[in-house]
Amino acid sequence: MIETHPFGSFVPNDAQYLILGSFPAKTKENFYKWFYGSNRNQFWQIMENVYDLKLSDQNTKEDLFTKHKIALADVIHKTQRVNNSNLDINLINRTYNLTGVSEILKNNKIKKIFFTSRHVENIFHRHFKSLVQKYPGIALITLPSPSPRYASLTISNKIEVYKKHLPKYRSY
């Protein structure tokens, strides 16, 4: 069965940064949570440590990204899962989110794009080549995957890398 991305992109006004992932995970209950919604994914735990905040619900997460002018999107718009798996390698028959990502870049002054894995970076360079050429001034940064399957770095190491690259904490 082909699945369409369930919630599109999150783009605050005047976004300056874009975090790109692959495609939302489904929970065991066959339910999509907001970005990085799998309980096993370490993304929100990393964000809580980077910004020293408790991100208990979608509203607090949106507030954080709005304050820091960070947009969230995924590179895949439609896909089919092999064996109902959330693994990126098991997402087949993909349609890429070229229109959505292009709109974000066209309508905002994005300084940096952060890829949440080497896999997402590779997809971007392969399938979003026109955007790389159209916006050569945007820095492209690959962060360590927040997936627990990416075990070559501890979560502490991942937090340090994210702290180094993401915009610094703003309290207002």
N, C-alpha and C. Protein backbone atom coordinates (compact mmCIF):
# COMPACT_ATOMS: atom_id res chain seq x y z
N MET A 1 0.83 -1.18 0.00
CA MET A 1 0.00 0.00 0.00
C MET A 1 0.88 1.25 0.00
N ILE A 2 0.58 2.17 -0.88
CA ILE A 2 1.31 3.44 -0.94
C ILE A 2 0.79 4.36 0.16
N GLU A 3 1.72 4.93 0.92
CA GLU A 3 1.37 5.88 1.98
C GLU A 3 1.80 7.28 1.55
N THR A 4 0.97 8.25 1.83
CA THR A 4 1.30 9.65 1.60
C THR A 4 1.72 10.26 2.93
N HIS A 5 2.71 11.13 2.89
CA HIS A 5 3.19 11.79 4.11
C HIS A 5 1.99 12.36 4.86
N PRO A 6 1.83 12.02 6.15
CA PRO A 6 0.60 12.36 6.86
C PRO A 6 0.47 13.80 7.33
N PHE A 7 1.55 14.55 7.43
CA PHE A 7 1.39 15.90 7.96
C PHE A 7 2.22 16.96 7.26
N GLY A 8 2.82 16.68 6.14
CA GLY A 8 3.54 17.70 5.39
C GLY A 8 4.74 18.24 6.13
N SER A 9 5.00 19.52 5.96
CA SER A 9 6.17 20.16 6.56
C SER A 9 5.73 21.09 7.68
N PHE A 10 6.66 21.40 8.58
CA PHE A 10 6.44 22.43 9.59
C PHE A 10 7.38 23.58 9.23
N VAL A 11 6.81 24.74 8.93
CA VAL A 11 7.63 25.87 8.49
C VAL A 11 7.20 27.13 9.25
N PRO A 12 8.00 27.56 10.23
CA PRO A 12 7.66 28.80 10.93
C PRO A 12 7.95 30.00 10.02
N ASN A 13 7.36 31.15 10.36
CA ASN A 13 7.64 32.36 9.59
C ASN A 13 9.13 32.66 9.60
N ASP A 14 9.64 33.08 8.47
CA ASP A 14 11.05 33.48 8.32
C ASP A 14 12.02 32.37 8.73
N ALA A 15 11.72 31.16 8.36
CA ALA A 15 12.62 30.04 8.69
C ALA A 15 14.00 30.31 8.10
N GLN A 16 15.02 29.98 8.88
CA GLN A 16 16.41 30.14 8.43
C GLN A 16 17.14 28.81 8.35
N TYR A 17 16.56 27.79 8.94
CA TYR A 17 17.19 26.47 8.99
C TYR A 17 16.15 25.43 8.60
N LEU A 18 16.62 24.34 8.03
CA LEU A 18 15.73 23.26 7.64
C LEU A 18 16.34 21.93 8.06
N ILE A 19 15.59 21.18 8.84
CA ILE A 19 16.00 19.82 9.20
C ILE A 19 15.22 18.87 8.30
N LEU A 20 15.96 18.06 7.55
CA LEU A 20 15.35 17.10 6.63
C LEU A 20 15.52 15.68 7.13
N GLY A 21 14.42 14.97 7.23
CA GLY A 21 14.44 13.55 7.55
C GLY A 21 13.97 12.76 6.34
N SER A 22 13.60 11.51 6.56
CA SER A 22 13.19 10.66 5.43
C SER A 22 11.67 10.57 5.31
N PHE A 23 11.01 9.87 6.23
CA PHE A 23 9.55 9.65 6.19
C PHE A 23 9.12 9.25 7.59
N PRO A 24 7.91 9.66 8.02
CA PRO A 24 7.48 9.35 9.39
C PRO A 24 7.36 7.86 9.66
N ALA A 25 7.73 7.50 10.86
CA ALA A 25 7.55 6.12 11.32
C ALA A 25 6.09 5.92 11.71
N LYS A 26 5.66 4.69 11.60
CA LYS A 26 4.34 4.31 12.11
C LYS A 26 4.55 3.59 13.43
N THR A 27 3.65 3.82 14.35
CA THR A 27 3.71 3.10 15.62
C THR A 27 3.07 1.73 15.43
N LYS A 28 3.19 0.90 16.44
CA LYS A 28 2.57 -0.43 16.37
C LYS A 28 1.06 -0.35 16.21
N GLU A 29 0.49 0.74 16.68
CA GLU A 29 -0.96 0.91 16.57
C GLU A 29 -1.35 1.43 15.18
N ASN A 30 -0.37 1.48 14.27
CA ASN A 30 -0.61 1.97 12.91
C ASN A 30 -0.97 3.45 12.91
N PHE A 31 -0.37 4.19 13.80
CA PHE A 31 -0.66 5.60 13.98
C PHE A 31 0.61 6.40 13.73
N TYR A 32 0.48 7.53 13.05
CA TYR A 32 1.62 8.42 12.85
C TYR A 32 1.63 9.44 13.97
N LYS A 33 2.77 9.61 14.58
CA LYS A 33 2.94 10.74 15.48
C LYS A 33 3.64 11.82 14.68
N TRP A 34 3.81 12.99 15.26
CA TRP A 34 4.48 14.08 14.56
C TRP A 34 5.91 13.67 14.25
N PHE A 35 6.68 14.50 13.62
CA PHE A 35 8.04 14.18 13.21
C PHE A 35 8.79 13.41 14.30
N TYR A 36 9.54 12.42 13.89
CA TYR A 36 10.38 11.60 14.77
C TYR A 36 9.56 11.04 15.93
N GLY A 37 8.40 10.51 15.60
CA GLY A 37 7.43 10.08 16.60
C GLY A 37 7.64 8.69 17.18
N SER A 38 8.53 7.92 16.60
CA SER A 38 8.78 6.58 17.15
C SER A 38 9.39 6.71 18.54
N ASN A 39 8.90 5.93 19.47
CA ASN A 39 9.45 5.98 20.83
C ASN A 39 10.92 5.60 20.87
N ARG A 40 11.37 4.85 19.90
CA ARG A 40 12.77 4.43 19.87
C ARG A 40 13.69 5.51 19.29
N ASN A 41 13.14 6.41 18.48
CA ASN A 41 13.95 7.44 17.86
C ASN A 41 14.44 8.42 18.93
N GLN A 42 15.69 8.81 18.84
CA GLN A 42 16.32 9.65 19.87
C GLN A 42 16.24 11.14 19.56
N PHE A 43 15.58 11.53 18.47
CA PHE A 43 15.59 12.93 18.05
C PHE A 43 15.13 13.88 19.15
N TRP A 44 13.99 13.61 19.76
CA TRP A 44 13.47 14.56 20.75
C TRP A 44 14.30 14.55 22.02
N GLN A 45 14.85 13.42 22.37
CA GLN A 45 15.76 13.37 23.52
C GLN A 45 17.01 14.21 23.23
N ILE A 46 17.50 14.15 22.01
CA ILE A 46 18.65 14.97 21.62
C ILE A 46 18.28 16.44 21.69
N MET A 47 17.12 16.81 21.14
CA MET A 47 16.68 18.22 21.16
C MET A 47 16.52 18.73 22.58
N GLU A 48 15.95 17.91 23.46
CA GLU A 48 15.79 18.32 24.86
C GLU A 48 17.14 18.64 25.48
N ASN A 49 18.15 17.87 25.16
CA ASN A 49 19.48 18.10 25.72
C ASN A 49 20.19 19.27 25.05
N VAL A 50 20.01 19.44 23.76
CA VAL A 50 20.63 20.56 23.06
C VAL A 50 20.10 21.88 23.60
N TYR A 51 18.79 21.95 23.81
CA TYR A 51 18.15 23.21 24.20
C TYR A 51 17.75 23.26 25.67
N ASP A 52 18.08 22.24 26.44
CA ASP A 52 17.80 22.19 27.87
C ASP A 52 16.33 22.51 28.16
N LEU A 53 15.46 21.82 27.44
CA LEU A 53 14.02 22.00 27.58
C LEU A 53 13.33 20.65 27.64
N LYS A 54 12.17 20.61 28.25
CA LYS A 54 11.32 19.42 28.22
C LYS A 54 10.33 19.61 27.07
N LEU A 55 10.38 18.71 26.12
CA LEU A 55 9.51 18.80 24.94
C LEU A 55 8.45 17.71 25.04
N SER A 56 7.43 17.99 25.84
CA SER A 56 6.47 16.95 26.21
C SER A 56 5.33 16.77 25.21
N ASP A 57 5.10 17.76 24.35
CA ASP A 57 4.00 17.62 23.40
C ASP A 57 4.33 18.38 22.11
N GLN A 58 3.47 18.24 21.14
CA GLN A 58 3.73 18.85 19.84
C GLN A 58 3.80 20.38 19.94
N ASN A 59 2.99 20.99 20.79
CA ASN A 59 3.01 22.45 20.93
C ASN A 59 4.36 22.96 21.42
N THR A 60 4.95 22.30 22.41
CA THR A 60 6.25 22.76 22.91
C THR A 60 7.33 22.54 21.86
N LYS A 61 7.20 21.48 21.08
CA LYS A 61 8.16 21.22 20.00
C LYS A 61 8.04 22.29 18.91
N GLU A 62 6.81 22.61 18.54
CA GLU A 62 6.60 23.66 17.54
C GLU A 62 7.11 25.01 18.04
N ASP A 63 6.89 25.31 19.32
CA ASP A 63 7.38 26.56 19.91
C ASP A 63 8.90 26.64 19.81
N LEU A 64 9.57 25.55 20.14
CA LEU A 64 11.04 25.53 20.06
C LEU A 64 11.50 25.85 18.65
N PHE A 65 10.93 25.18 17.66
CA PHE A 65 11.37 25.38 16.28
C PHE A 65 10.94 26.73 15.73
N THR A 66 9.83 27.26 16.20
CA THR A 66 9.42 28.60 15.79
C THR A 66 10.40 29.64 16.32
N LYS A 67 10.75 29.54 17.60
CA LYS A 67 11.71 30.49 18.20
C LYS A 67 13.06 30.46 17.51
N HIS A 68 13.46 29.29 17.06
CA HIS A 68 14.79 29.15 16.46
C HIS A 68 14.76 29.17 14.94
N LYS A 69 13.57 29.44 14.39
CA LYS A 69 13.39 29.58 12.94
C LYS A 69 13.84 28.33 12.18
N ILE A 70 13.46 27.18 12.74
CA ILE A 70 13.83 25.88 12.16
C ILE A 70 12.59 25.23 11.54
N ALA A 71 12.69 24.93 10.26
CA ALA A 71 11.63 24.19 9.56
C ALA A 71 11.95 22.70 9.61
N LEU A 72 10.91 21.88 9.54
CA LEU A 72 11.06 20.43 9.50
C LEU A 72 10.34 19.90 8.26
N ALA A 73 11.01 19.01 7.56
CA ALA A 73 10.38 18.37 6.39
C ALA A 73 11.04 17.02 6.17
N ASP A 74 10.44 16.24 5.31
CA ASP A 74 10.99 14.94 4.93
C ASP A 74 11.21 14.91 3.43
N VAL A 75 12.19 14.14 2.99
CA VAL A 75 12.52 14.07 1.57
C VAL A 75 11.57 13.17 0.79
N ILE A 76 10.86 12.29 1.49
CA ILE A 76 9.94 11.37 0.81
C ILE A 76 8.50 11.84 1.03
N HIS A 77 7.75 11.96 -0.06
CA HIS A 77 6.35 12.38 0.00
C HIS A 77 5.39 11.18 0.02
N LYS A 78 5.71 10.17 -0.78
CA LYS A 78 4.90 8.95 -0.83
C LYS A 78 5.84 7.76 -0.90
N THR A 79 5.41 6.66 -0.28
CA THR A 79 6.24 5.46 -0.30
C THR A 79 5.40 4.23 0.04
N GLN A 80 6.02 3.11 -0.12
CA GLN A 80 5.43 1.83 0.28
C GLN A 80 6.42 1.15 1.22
N ARG A 81 5.93 0.57 2.30
CA ARG A 81 6.79 -0.11 3.27
C ARG A 81 6.88 -1.59 2.95
N VAL A 82 8.08 -2.13 3.03
CA VAL A 82 8.27 -3.58 2.92
C VAL A 82 8.07 -4.16 4.32
N ASN A 83 7.19 -5.13 4.46
CA ASN A 83 6.91 -5.79 5.74
C ASN A 83 6.53 -4.81 6.85
N ASN A 84 5.87 -3.71 6.48
CA ASN A 84 5.42 -2.71 7.45
C ASN A 84 6.57 -2.13 8.27
N SER A 85 7.77 -2.11 7.71
CA SER A 85 8.97 -1.68 8.41
C SER A 85 9.15 -0.17 8.35
N ASN A 86 9.70 0.41 9.42
CA ASN A 86 10.04 1.83 9.46
C ASN A 86 11.45 2.12 8.96
N LEU A 87 12.23 1.10 8.68
CA LEU A 87 13.60 1.32 8.22
C LEU A 87 13.61 2.00 6.86
N ASP A 88 14.48 3.00 6.71
CA ASP A 88 14.56 3.72 5.44
C ASP A 88 14.82 2.79 4.26
N ILE A 89 15.64 1.76 4.48
CA ILE A 89 15.96 0.85 3.37
C ILE A 89 14.75 0.03 2.94
N ASN A 90 13.72 -0.01 3.78
CA ASN A 90 12.51 -0.76 3.45
C ASN A 90 11.38 0.14 2.93
N LEU A 91 11.72 1.36 2.57
CA LEU A 91 10.75 2.27 1.95
C LEU A 91 10.99 2.23 0.45
N ILE A 92 10.02 1.68 -0.29
CA ILE A 92 10.20 1.49 -1.73
C ILE A 92 9.13 2.27 -2.50
N ASN A 93 9.24 2.27 -3.82
CA ASN A 93 8.29 2.98 -4.68
C ASN A 93 8.09 4.41 -4.18
N ARG A 94 9.18 5.11 -4.03
CA ARG A 94 9.17 6.44 -3.44
C ARG A 94 8.81 7.53 -4.44
N THR A 95 8.10 8.52 -3.93
CA THR A 95 7.92 9.80 -4.63
C THR A 95 8.55 10.83 -3.72
N TYR A 96 9.46 11.62 -4.26
CA TYR A 96 10.20 12.55 -3.42
C TYR A 96 9.47 13.89 -3.27
N ASN A 97 9.75 14.56 -2.18
CA ASN A 97 9.08 15.79 -1.78
C ASN A 97 9.76 17.02 -2.39
N LEU A 98 10.03 16.97 -3.67
CA LEU A 98 10.73 18.06 -4.34
C LEU A 98 9.93 19.36 -4.27
N THR A 99 8.63 19.27 -4.47
CA THR A 99 7.79 20.47 -4.44
C THR A 99 7.79 21.10 -3.05
N GLY A 100 7.60 20.30 -2.02
CA GLY A 100 7.56 20.84 -0.66
C GLY A 100 8.87 21.48 -0.24
N VAL A 101 9.97 20.80 -0.49
CA VAL A 101 11.28 21.34 -0.10
C VAL A 101 11.59 22.58 -0.94
N SER A 102 11.27 22.54 -2.21
CA SER A 102 11.49 23.69 -3.09
C SER A 102 10.73 24.92 -2.60
N GLU A 103 9.48 24.73 -2.17
CA GLU A 103 8.68 25.84 -1.64
C GLU A 103 9.30 26.43 -0.38
N ILE A 104 9.81 25.58 0.49
CA ILE A 104 10.46 26.07 1.71
C ILE A 104 11.65 26.94 1.34
N LEU A 105 12.47 26.48 0.41
CA LEU A 105 13.67 27.23 0.02
C LEU A 105 13.31 28.52 -0.71
N LYS A 106 12.28 28.48 -1.53
CA LYS A 106 11.86 29.65 -2.30
C LYS A 106 11.29 30.74 -1.39
N ASN A 107 10.55 30.35 -0.37
CA ASN A 107 9.81 31.31 0.45
C ASN A 107 10.49 31.71 1.75
N ASN A 108 11.68 31.21 2.00
CA ASN A 108 12.40 31.51 3.23
C ASN A 108 13.87 31.73 2.92
N LYS A 109 14.57 32.39 3.81
CA LYS A 109 16.01 32.61 3.63
C LYS A 109 16.77 31.55 4.42
N ILE A 110 16.77 30.34 3.88
CA ILE A 110 17.40 29.21 4.56
C ILE A 110 18.92 29.35 4.46
N LYS A 111 19.58 29.31 5.62
CA LYS A 111 21.04 29.39 5.68
C LYS A 111 21.68 28.01 5.67
N LYS A 112 21.01 27.07 6.36
CA LYS A 112 21.59 25.73 6.52
C LYS A 112 20.50 24.68 6.39
N ILE A 113 20.85 23.59 5.74
CA ILE A 113 20.00 22.40 5.72
C ILE A 113 20.73 21.32 6.50
N PHE A 114 20.03 20.74 7.46
CA PHE A 114 20.58 19.66 8.28
C PHE A 114 19.92 18.35 7.85
N PHE A 115 20.71 17.38 7.48
CA PHE A 115 20.20 16.05 7.14
C PHE A 115 20.30 15.19 8.39
N THR A 116 19.26 14.42 8.69
CA THR A 116 19.28 13.60 9.90
C THR A 116 19.92 12.24 9.68
N SER A 117 20.55 12.06 8.54
CA SER A 117 21.32 10.84 8.31
C SER A 117 22.07 10.97 6.99
N ARG A 118 23.06 10.15 6.82
CA ARG A 118 23.80 10.09 5.55
C ARG A 118 22.85 9.64 4.43
N HIS A 119 21.92 8.76 4.75
CA HIS A 119 20.94 8.28 3.77
C HIS A 119 20.11 9.45 3.22
N VAL A 120 19.64 10.32 4.09
CA VAL A 120 18.86 11.48 3.66
C VAL A 120 19.73 12.41 2.82
N GLU A 121 20.97 12.61 3.24
CA GLU A 121 21.89 13.44 2.45
C GLU A 121 22.05 12.87 1.04
N ASN A 122 22.25 11.57 0.94
CA ASN A 122 22.42 10.94 -0.37
C ASN A 122 21.18 11.10 -1.24
N ILE A 123 20.01 10.94 -0.65
CA ILE A 123 18.76 11.15 -1.40
C ILE A 123 18.71 12.59 -1.91
N PHE A 124 19.05 13.53 -1.04
CA PHE A 124 19.00 14.95 -1.41
C PHE A 124 19.92 15.24 -2.60
N HIS A 125 21.14 14.76 -2.52
CA HIS A 125 22.09 15.02 -3.61
C HIS A 125 21.68 14.32 -4.90
N ARG A 126 21.04 13.19 -4.79
CA ARG A 126 20.64 12.43 -5.98
C ARG A 126 19.34 12.95 -6.60
N HIS A 127 18.35 13.25 -5.78
CA HIS A 127 17.01 13.55 -6.30
C HIS A 127 16.62 15.03 -6.20
N PHE A 128 17.41 15.82 -5.49
CA PHE A 128 17.11 17.25 -5.33
C PHE A 128 18.26 18.08 -5.91
N LYS A 129 18.95 17.52 -6.89
CA LYS A 129 20.12 18.16 -7.49
C LYS A 129 19.84 19.58 -7.95
N SER A 130 18.66 19.79 -8.53
CA SER A 130 18.31 21.13 -9.04
C SER A 130 18.31 22.16 -7.91
N LEU A 131 17.91 21.76 -6.72
CA LEU A 131 17.89 22.70 -5.59
C LEU A 131 19.30 23.00 -5.09
N VAL A 132 20.16 22.00 -5.12
CA VAL A 132 21.56 22.22 -4.73
C VAL A 132 22.17 23.26 -5.67
N GLN A 133 21.88 23.14 -6.95
CA GLN A 133 22.42 24.08 -7.95
C GLN A 133 21.76 25.45 -7.85
N LYS A 134 20.48 25.49 -7.57
CA LYS A 134 19.74 26.76 -7.51
C LYS A 134 20.09 27.58 -6.26
N TYR A 135 20.44 26.91 -5.17
CA TYR A 135 20.73 27.59 -3.90
C TYR A 135 22.12 27.20 -3.41
N PRO A 136 23.18 27.62 -4.13
CA PRO A 136 24.53 27.17 -3.76
C PRO A 136 25.05 27.76 -2.45
N GLY A 137 24.42 28.82 -1.96
CA GLY A 137 24.89 29.45 -0.73
C GLY A 137 24.41 28.78 0.55
N ILE A 138 23.54 27.81 0.43
CA ILE A 138 23.01 27.13 1.62
C ILE A 138 24.01 26.07 2.07
N ALA A 139 24.40 26.14 3.34
CA ALA A 139 25.30 25.12 3.91
C ALA A 139 24.53 23.82 4.09
N LEU A 140 25.15 22.72 3.72
CA LEU A 140 24.54 21.39 3.86
C LEU A 140 25.32 20.62 4.91
N ILE A 141 24.64 20.22 5.98
CA ILE A 141 25.30 19.59 7.12
C ILE A 141 24.60 18.27 7.45
N THR A 142 25.38 17.22 7.54
CA THR A 142 24.81 15.91 7.90
C THR A 142 25.04 15.66 9.38
N LEU A 143 23.94 15.45 10.09
CA LEU A 143 23.98 15.14 11.52
C LEU A 143 23.95 13.63 11.69
N PRO A 144 24.39 13.14 12.84
CA PRO A 144 24.27 11.70 13.08
C PRO A 144 22.80 11.29 13.17
N SER A 145 22.49 10.15 12.65
CA SER A 145 21.11 9.67 12.68
C SER A 145 20.61 9.53 14.12
N PRO A 146 19.40 10.02 14.39
CA PRO A 146 18.83 9.85 15.72
C PRO A 146 18.28 8.44 15.95
N SER A 147 18.40 7.60 14.95
CA SER A 147 17.93 6.23 15.11
C SER A 147 18.82 5.47 16.08
N PRO A 148 18.23 4.68 16.97
CA PRO A 148 19.06 3.88 17.88
C PRO A 148 19.86 2.82 17.12
N ARG A 149 19.45 2.53 15.89
CA ARG A 149 20.20 1.57 15.07
C ARG A 149 21.58 2.12 14.71
N TYR A 150 21.72 3.45 14.71
CA TYR A 150 23.01 4.07 14.43
C TYR A 150 23.78 4.11 15.75
N ALA A 151 24.46 3.03 16.02
CA ALA A 151 25.09 2.85 17.34
C ALA A 151 26.58 3.15 17.35
N SER A 152 27.12 3.64 16.24
CA SER A 152 28.55 3.94 16.25
C SER A 152 28.84 5.19 17.08
N LEU A 153 27.80 5.96 17.39
CA LEU A 153 27.94 7.08 18.33
C LEU A 153 26.95 6.88 19.47
N THR A 154 27.38 7.21 20.66
CA THR A 154 26.46 7.18 21.80
C THR A 154 25.51 8.37 21.67
N ILE A 155 24.45 8.35 22.44
CA ILE A 155 23.53 9.49 22.40
C ILE A 155 24.23 10.75 22.88
N SER A 156 25.15 10.62 23.83
CA SER A 156 25.92 11.79 24.29
C SER A 156 26.74 12.39 23.17
N ASN A 157 27.37 11.54 22.37
CA ASN A 157 28.14 12.02 21.22
C ASN A 157 27.23 12.71 20.20
N LYS A 158 26.07 12.11 19.97
CA LYS A 158 25.11 12.71 19.03
C LYS A 158 24.68 14.10 19.52
N ILE A 159 24.40 14.22 20.81
CA ILE A 159 23.99 15.50 21.39
C ILE A 159 25.06 16.55 21.15
N GLU A 160 26.31 16.19 21.35
CA GLU A 160 27.41 17.15 21.15
C GLU A 160 27.48 17.62 19.70
N VAL A 161 27.30 16.71 18.76
CA VAL A 161 27.34 17.09 17.34
C VAL A 161 26.16 18.02 17.02
N TYR A 162 24.99 17.69 17.50
CA TYR A 162 23.82 18.54 17.25
C TYR A 162 24.04 19.92 17.89
N LYS A 163 24.57 19.97 19.11
CA LYS A 163 24.83 21.25 19.79
C LYS A 163 25.79 22.11 18.98
N LYS A 164 26.77 21.46 18.39
CA LYS A 164 27.79 22.18 17.61
C LYS A 164 27.17 22.86 16.39
N HIS A 165 26.20 22.23 15.77
CA HIS A 165 25.70 22.71 14.48
C HIS A 165 24.37 23.46 14.52
N LEU A 166 23.47 23.10 15.41
CA LEU A 166 22.15 23.74 15.43
C LEU A 166 22.25 25.15 16.00
N PRO A 167 21.26 26.02 15.67
CA PRO A 167 21.29 27.37 16.23
C PRO A 167 21.27 27.32 17.75
N LYS A 168 21.93 28.27 18.34
CA LYS A 168 22.04 28.32 19.80
C LYS A 168 20.70 28.68 20.44
N TYR A 169 20.56 28.32 21.70
CA TYR A 169 19.32 28.53 22.44
C TYR A 169 18.97 30.01 22.53
N ARG A 170 17.72 30.32 22.25
CA ARG A 170 17.18 31.67 22.40
C ARG A 170 16.05 31.61 23.42
N SER A 171 16.12 32.43 24.43
CA SER A 171 15.01 32.45 25.39
C SER A 171 14.25 33.76 25.21
N TYR A 172 13.06 33.64 24.71
CA TYR A 172 12.15 34.79 24.58
C TYR A 172 10.76 34.31 24.37
